[in-house]
Amino acid sequence: MSHAGFADRENSNMIKDPEDWVTGDEEMTGAQRSYLQTLCEEAGEDFDPNLTKAEASKRIDELQQTTGRGVDH
C-alpha cells in the first residue's frame, strides 16, 4: 500500500550511498563524531577525527555490524 507524501525507499535520502552525497566531502557532523567515538570505544578501535561525512557514515555502518549497536534484530 502506498502512502501519498512518502518517498519510495529507492528514492529516499535515508538509503542514499554516501558516495553520492553532495556534502559527503565536508567534515563529519558533531553527531557523527560523537557516535563514532562511542562505537570505536566499544569495538576497541582507533577513532579517526579527520573523516569526511561520507567516510564517517561508512565507518559507522561497519562498526555497528561489529558491535551490534544500531542493527535491527
N, C-alpha and C. Protein backbone atom coordinates (compact mmCIF):
# COMPACT_ATOMS: atom_id res chain seq x y z
N MET A 1 0.84 -1.17 0.00
CA MET A 1 0.00 0.00 0.00
C MET A 1 0.88 1.23 0.00
N SER A 2 0.60 2.17 -0.88
CA SER A 2 1.40 3.38 -1.00
C SER A 2 0.78 4.50 -0.19
N HIS A 3 1.62 5.30 0.44
CA HIS A 3 1.15 6.44 1.21
C HIS A 3 1.55 7.71 0.47
N ALA A 4 0.58 8.56 0.15
CA ALA A 4 0.88 9.82 -0.52
C ALA A 4 1.79 10.66 0.36
N GLY A 5 2.78 11.30 -0.25
CA GLY A 5 3.69 12.17 0.51
C GLY A 5 4.94 11.47 1.02
N PHE A 6 4.98 10.15 0.93
CA PHE A 6 6.15 9.43 1.39
C PHE A 6 6.99 9.00 0.18
N ALA A 7 8.29 9.21 0.26
CA ALA A 7 9.19 8.83 -0.84
C ALA A 7 9.32 7.32 -0.89
N ASP A 8 9.48 6.79 -2.07
CA ASP A 8 9.79 5.37 -2.20
C ASP A 8 11.12 5.11 -1.54
N ARG A 9 11.30 3.92 -1.00
CA ARG A 9 12.57 3.59 -0.34
C ARG A 9 13.75 3.75 -1.29
N GLU A 10 13.57 3.43 -2.57
CA GLU A 10 14.67 3.55 -3.52
C GLU A 10 15.10 5.00 -3.71
N ASN A 11 14.19 5.93 -3.51
CA ASN A 11 14.49 7.35 -3.72
C ASN A 11 14.77 8.09 -2.42
N SER A 12 14.75 7.38 -1.32
CA SER A 12 14.91 8.01 -0.02
C SER A 12 16.36 8.42 0.24
N ASN A 13 16.55 9.60 0.82
CA ASN A 13 17.89 10.03 1.22
C ASN A 13 18.41 9.19 2.37
N MET A 14 17.53 8.50 3.05
CA MET A 14 17.94 7.67 4.17
C MET A 14 18.81 6.50 3.70
N ILE A 15 18.67 6.08 2.44
CA ILE A 15 19.44 4.94 1.97
C ILE A 15 20.40 5.29 0.85
N LYS A 16 20.56 6.58 0.59
CA LYS A 16 21.46 7.00 -0.49
C LYS A 16 22.90 6.66 -0.11
N ASP A 17 23.64 6.16 -1.09
CA ASP A 17 25.04 5.82 -0.89
C ASP A 17 25.81 7.08 -0.53
N PRO A 18 26.61 7.04 0.55
CA PRO A 18 27.40 8.22 0.94
C PRO A 18 28.27 8.77 -0.17
N GLU A 19 28.68 7.93 -1.11
CA GLU A 19 29.48 8.39 -2.24
C GLU A 19 28.71 9.38 -3.10
N ASP A 20 27.38 9.31 -3.04
CA ASP A 20 26.52 10.17 -3.85
C ASP A 20 26.08 11.43 -3.13
N TRP A 21 26.49 11.60 -1.88
CA TRP A 21 26.08 12.78 -1.11
C TRP A 21 26.76 14.03 -1.67
N VAL A 22 26.00 15.10 -1.84
CA VAL A 22 26.55 16.37 -2.31
C VAL A 22 27.54 16.92 -1.28
N THR A 23 27.26 16.74 0.00
CA THR A 23 28.11 17.28 1.06
C THR A 23 29.02 16.21 1.68
N GLY A 24 29.19 15.08 1.00
CA GLY A 24 29.96 13.98 1.55
C GLY A 24 31.42 14.28 1.83
N ASP A 25 31.97 15.29 1.14
CA ASP A 25 33.38 15.64 1.35
C ASP A 25 33.60 16.62 2.49
N GLU A 26 32.51 17.09 3.10
CA GLU A 26 32.62 18.01 4.22
C GLU A 26 33.02 17.26 5.49
N GLU A 27 33.49 18.02 6.47
CA GLU A 27 33.85 17.45 7.77
C GLU A 27 32.65 16.75 8.39
N MET A 28 32.89 15.63 9.06
CA MET A 28 31.79 14.91 9.70
C MET A 28 31.06 15.82 10.68
N THR A 29 29.79 15.53 10.90
CA THR A 29 28.98 16.34 11.81
C THR A 29 29.34 16.03 13.26
N GLY A 30 28.90 16.88 14.14
CA GLY A 30 29.12 16.65 15.57
C GLY A 30 28.46 15.37 16.05
N ALA A 31 27.27 15.10 15.53
CA ALA A 31 26.56 13.88 15.92
C ALA A 31 27.31 12.64 15.43
N GLN A 32 27.82 12.70 14.20
CA GLN A 32 28.61 11.58 13.68
C GLN A 32 29.86 11.38 14.52
N ARG A 33 30.54 12.47 14.84
CA ARG A 33 31.77 12.41 15.63
C ARG A 33 31.51 11.72 16.98
N SER A 34 30.47 12.16 17.66
CA SER A 34 30.16 11.62 18.97
C SER A 34 29.81 10.14 18.90
N TYR A 35 28.94 9.77 17.97
CA TYR A 35 28.52 8.37 17.84
C TYR A 35 29.69 7.50 17.40
N LEU A 36 30.50 8.00 16.49
CA LEU A 36 31.65 7.24 16.01
C LEU A 36 32.66 7.01 17.13
N GLN A 37 32.87 8.01 17.97
CA GLN A 37 33.77 7.84 19.11
C GLN A 37 33.26 6.73 20.03
N THR A 38 31.95 6.74 20.29
CA THR A 38 31.35 5.72 21.14
C THR A 38 31.53 4.33 20.53
N LEU A 39 31.23 4.22 19.23
CA LEU A 39 31.37 2.92 18.57
C LEU A 39 32.81 2.44 18.57
N CYS A 40 33.74 3.35 18.31
CA CYS A 40 35.16 2.98 18.32
C CYS A 40 35.58 2.46 19.69
N GLU A 41 35.14 3.13 20.74
CA GLU A 41 35.46 2.69 22.10
C GLU A 41 34.91 1.30 22.36
N GLU A 42 33.64 1.08 21.98
CA GLU A 42 33.01 -0.21 22.22
C GLU A 42 33.67 -1.33 21.41
N ALA A 43 34.14 -1.01 20.22
CA ALA A 43 34.77 -2.01 19.35
C ALA A 43 36.26 -2.15 19.61
N GLY A 44 36.82 -1.28 20.46
CA GLY A 44 38.26 -1.32 20.72
C GLY A 44 39.08 -0.88 19.53
N GLU A 45 38.53 0.03 18.74
CA GLU A 45 39.19 0.51 17.52
C GLU A 45 39.59 1.98 17.67
N ASP A 46 40.57 2.39 16.89
CA ASP A 46 41.02 3.78 16.92
C ASP A 46 39.99 4.69 16.25
N PHE A 47 39.84 5.88 16.80
CA PHE A 47 38.95 6.89 16.24
C PHE A 47 39.76 7.82 15.35
N ASP A 48 39.30 8.03 14.12
CA ASP A 48 39.96 8.94 13.18
C ASP A 48 39.14 10.24 13.13
N PRO A 49 39.65 11.32 13.71
CA PRO A 49 38.90 12.57 13.75
C PRO A 49 38.87 13.33 12.43
N ASN A 50 39.56 12.83 11.42
CA ASN A 50 39.67 13.54 10.14
C ASN A 50 38.78 12.99 9.03
N LEU A 51 37.82 12.15 9.38
CA LEU A 51 36.94 11.57 8.36
C LEU A 51 35.95 12.61 7.83
N THR A 52 35.57 12.44 6.57
CA THR A 52 34.52 13.27 5.99
C THR A 52 33.16 12.71 6.42
N LYS A 53 32.09 13.43 6.08
CA LYS A 53 30.74 12.94 6.38
C LYS A 53 30.52 11.56 5.77
N ALA A 54 30.89 11.39 4.51
CA ALA A 54 30.68 10.12 3.83
C ALA A 54 31.52 9.01 4.45
N GLU A 55 32.78 9.29 4.73
CA GLU A 55 33.65 8.29 5.34
C GLU A 55 33.15 7.90 6.73
N ALA A 56 32.70 8.90 7.50
CA ALA A 56 32.18 8.64 8.84
C ALA A 56 30.94 7.76 8.78
N SER A 57 30.07 8.02 7.81
CA SER A 57 28.87 7.22 7.66
C SER A 57 29.21 5.75 7.38
N LYS A 58 30.16 5.54 6.49
CA LYS A 58 30.57 4.18 6.17
C LYS A 58 31.21 3.50 7.38
N ARG A 59 32.02 4.23 8.10
CA ARG A 59 32.70 3.68 9.29
C ARG A 59 31.68 3.33 10.37
N ILE A 60 30.68 4.19 10.52
CA ILE A 60 29.61 3.92 11.49
C ILE A 60 28.90 2.62 11.12
N ASP A 61 28.57 2.46 9.84
CA ASP A 61 27.92 1.22 9.39
C ASP A 61 28.77 0.00 9.72
N GLU A 62 30.07 0.10 9.46
CA GLU A 62 30.98 -1.02 9.73
C GLU A 62 31.00 -1.35 11.23
N LEU A 63 31.13 -0.31 12.04
CA LEU A 63 31.24 -0.53 13.48
C LEU A 63 29.92 -0.97 14.10
N GLN A 64 28.81 -0.58 13.51
CA GLN A 64 27.53 -1.08 14.01
C GLN A 64 27.44 -2.58 13.80
N GLN A 65 27.96 -3.07 12.69
CA GLN A 65 27.99 -4.51 12.44
C GLN A 65 28.89 -5.21 13.46
N THR A 66 30.03 -4.59 13.76
CA THR A 66 30.97 -5.17 14.71
C THR A 66 30.41 -5.22 16.13
N THR A 67 29.77 -4.12 16.54
CA THR A 67 29.28 -4.02 17.93
C THR A 67 27.86 -4.52 18.10
N GLY A 68 27.10 -4.60 17.02
CA GLY A 68 25.69 -4.97 17.13
C GLY A 68 24.81 -3.80 17.50
N ARG A 69 25.40 -2.64 17.67
CA ARG A 69 24.66 -1.44 18.05
C ARG A 69 23.99 -0.86 16.81
N GLY A 70 22.72 -0.50 16.93
CA GLY A 70 22.02 0.13 15.83
C GLY A 70 21.59 -0.83 14.75
N VAL A 71 21.80 -2.13 14.96
CA VAL A 71 21.43 -3.13 13.97
C VAL A 71 20.03 -3.65 14.31
N ASP A 72 19.15 -3.72 13.32
CA ASP A 72 17.81 -4.25 13.53
C ASP A 72 17.89 -5.73 13.90
N HIS A 73 17.08 -6.09 14.87
CA HIS A 73 17.06 -7.50 15.30
C HIS A 73 15.75 -8.12 14.94
